[in-house]
């Protein structure tokens, strides 16, 4: 049941993000200063969380640099 709920939340957030700016679905109007884009930000966070739940972690793309593994983490030769 949890898998279905996570999938539905991810699908709903994806549909909300794909929706054009002046579309049918708009929780907070975008022309309100500062808070106008909070609903899109929340939808993006829900989508990232749903993808992470299923093992697809896209947050590495948002980091400045990719951390290289240390030599001590490498397997012994």
C-alpha atoms as a PDB file:
ATOM      1  CA  UNK A   1       0.000   0.000   0.000  1.00  0.00           C
ATOM      2  CA  UNK A   2       2.897   2.364   0.791  1.00  0.00           C
ATOM      3  CA  UNK A   3       4.447   1.706  -2.629  1.00  0.00           C
ATOM      4  CA  UNK A   4       1.199   2.711  -4.324  1.00  0.00           C
ATOM      5  CA  UNK A   5       0.899   5.909  -2.254  1.00  0.00           C
ATOM      6  CA  UNK A   6       4.496   6.925  -3.040  1.00  0.00           C
ATOM      7  CA  UNK A   7       3.949   6.217  -6.736  1.00  0.00           C
ATOM      8  CA  UNK A   8       0.736   8.269  -6.773  1.00  0.00           C
ATOM      9  CA  UNK A   9       2.407  11.185  -4.970  1.00  0.00           C
ATOM     10  CA  UNK A  10       5.297  11.105  -7.453  1.00  0.00           C
ATOM     11  CA  UNK A  11       2.934  10.924 -10.415  1.00  0.00           C
ATOM     12  CA  UNK A  12       0.785  13.781  -9.089  1.00  0.00           C
ATOM     13  CA  UNK A  13       3.854  15.968  -8.545  1.00  0.00           C
ATOM     14  CA  UNK A  14       5.164  15.154 -12.037  1.00  0.00           C
ATOM     15  CA  UNK A  15       1.816  16.095 -13.592  1.00  0.00           C
ATOM     16  CA  UNK A  16       1.770  19.299 -11.543  1.00  0.00           C
ATOM     17  CA  UNK A  17       5.270  20.238 -12.719  1.00  0.00           C
ATOM     18  CA  UNK A  18       4.537  19.446 -16.370  1.00  0.00           C
ATOM     19  CA  UNK A  19       1.369  21.569 -16.187  1.00  0.00           C
ATOM     20  CA  UNK A  20       1.890  24.863 -18.043  1.00  0.00           C
ATOM     21  CA  UNK A  21       2.231  28.033 -15.960  1.00  0.00           C
ATOM     22  CA  UNK A  22      -1.255  29.282 -16.765  1.00  0.00           C
ATOM     23  CA  UNK A  23      -2.709  25.799 -16.616  1.00  0.00           C
ATOM     24  CA  UNK A  24      -5.792  24.397 -14.997  1.00  0.00           C
ATOM     25  CA  UNK A  25      -3.995  23.208 -11.850  1.00  0.00           C
ATOM     26  CA  UNK A  26      -2.418  25.999  -9.794  1.00  0.00           C
ATOM     27  CA  UNK A  27      -2.397  25.920  -5.985  1.00  0.00           C
ATOM     28  CA  UNK A  28      -0.578  29.219  -5.371  1.00  0.00           C
ATOM     29  CA  UNK A  29      -0.604  31.789  -8.206  1.00  0.00           C
ATOM     30  CA  UNK A  30       2.909  32.429  -9.537  1.00  0.00           C
ATOM     31  CA  UNK A  31       2.419  36.193  -9.642  1.00  0.00           C
ATOM     32  CA  UNK A  32       2.516  36.427  -5.820  1.00  0.00           C
ATOM     33  CA  UNK A  33       5.971  37.645  -4.762  1.00  0.00           C
ATOM     34  CA  UNK A  34       8.252  35.078  -3.090  1.00  0.00           C
ATOM     35  CA  UNK A  35       5.563  32.527  -2.195  1.00  0.00           C
ATOM     36  CA  UNK A  36       4.299  32.123  -5.759  1.00  0.00           C
ATOM     37  CA  UNK A  37       6.744  29.340  -6.566  1.00  0.00           C
ATOM     38  CA  UNK A  38       6.495  27.414  -3.296  1.00  0.00           C
ATOM     39  CA  UNK A  39       4.015  24.943  -4.751  1.00  0.00           C
ATOM     40  CA  UNK A  40       6.350  24.103  -7.629  1.00  0.00           C
ATOM     41  CA  UNK A  41       9.265  23.729  -5.218  1.00  0.00           C
ATOM     42  CA  UNK A  42       7.221  21.413  -3.022  1.00  0.00           C
ATOM     43  CA  UNK A  43       6.144  19.354  -6.022  1.00  0.00           C
ATOM     44  CA  UNK A  44       9.780  19.024  -7.108  1.00  0.00           C
ATOM     45  CA  UNK A  45      10.799  17.909  -3.601  1.00  0.00           C
ATOM     46  CA  UNK A  46       7.999  15.317  -3.526  1.00  0.00           C
ATOM     47  CA  UNK A  47       9.048  14.013  -6.944  1.00  0.00           C
ATOM     48  CA  UNK A  48      12.706  13.727  -5.866  1.00  0.00           C
ATOM     49  CA  UNK A  49      11.666  11.945  -2.657  1.00  0.00           C
ATOM     50  CA  UNK A  50       9.454   9.507  -4.568  1.00  0.00           C
ATOM     51  CA  UNK A  51      12.244   8.725  -7.020  1.00  0.00           C
ATOM     52  CA  UNK A  52      14.699   8.253  -4.140  1.00  0.00           C
ATOM     53  CA  UNK A  53      12.231   5.843  -2.498  1.00  0.00           C
ATOM     54  CA  UNK A  54      12.452   3.667  -5.609  1.00  0.00           C
ATOM     55  CA  UNK A  55      16.253   3.856  -5.739  1.00  0.00           C
ATOM     56  CA  UNK A  56      16.768   6.667  -8.266  1.00  0.00           C
ATOM     57  CA  UNK A  57      18.735   9.379  -6.461  1.00  0.00           C
ATOM     58  CA  UNK A  58      18.951  12.478  -8.652  1.00  0.00           C
ATOM     59  CA  UNK A  59      20.221  14.767  -5.902  1.00  0.00           C
ATOM     60  CA  UNK A  60      23.842  14.091  -6.934  1.00  0.00           C
ATOM     61  CA  UNK A  61      23.220  16.233 -10.018  1.00  0.00           C
ATOM     62  CA  UNK A  62      22.430  19.170  -7.754  1.00  0.00           C
ATOM     63  CA  UNK A  63      25.758  19.089  -5.925  1.00  0.00           C
ATOM     64  CA  UNK A  64      28.668  21.265  -7.075  1.00  0.00           C
ATOM     65  CA  UNK A  65      31.252  18.519  -7.262  1.00  0.00           C
ATOM     66  CA  UNK A  66      31.175  14.781  -7.165  1.00  0.00           C
ATOM     67  CA  UNK A  67      33.022  13.469  -4.167  1.00  0.00           C
ATOM     68  CA  UNK A  68      35.722  11.034  -5.163  1.00  0.00           C
ATOM     69  CA  UNK A  69      36.186   8.025  -2.889  1.00  0.00           C
ATOM     70  CA  UNK A  70      39.187   8.189  -0.579  1.00  0.00           C
ATOM     71  CA  UNK A  71      42.074   5.789  -1.016  1.00  0.00           C
ATOM     72  CA  UNK A  72      41.290   4.222   2.351  1.00  0.00           C
ATOM     73  CA  UNK A  73      37.847   3.276   1.023  1.00  0.00           C
ATOM     74  CA  UNK A  74      39.359   1.417  -1.913  1.00  0.00           C
ATOM     75  CA  UNK A  75      39.600  -2.373  -1.691  1.00  0.00           C
ATOM     76  CA  UNK A  76      42.941  -3.845  -0.665  1.00  0.00           C
ATOM     77  CA  UNK A  77      45.218  -5.027  -3.485  1.00  0.00           C
END
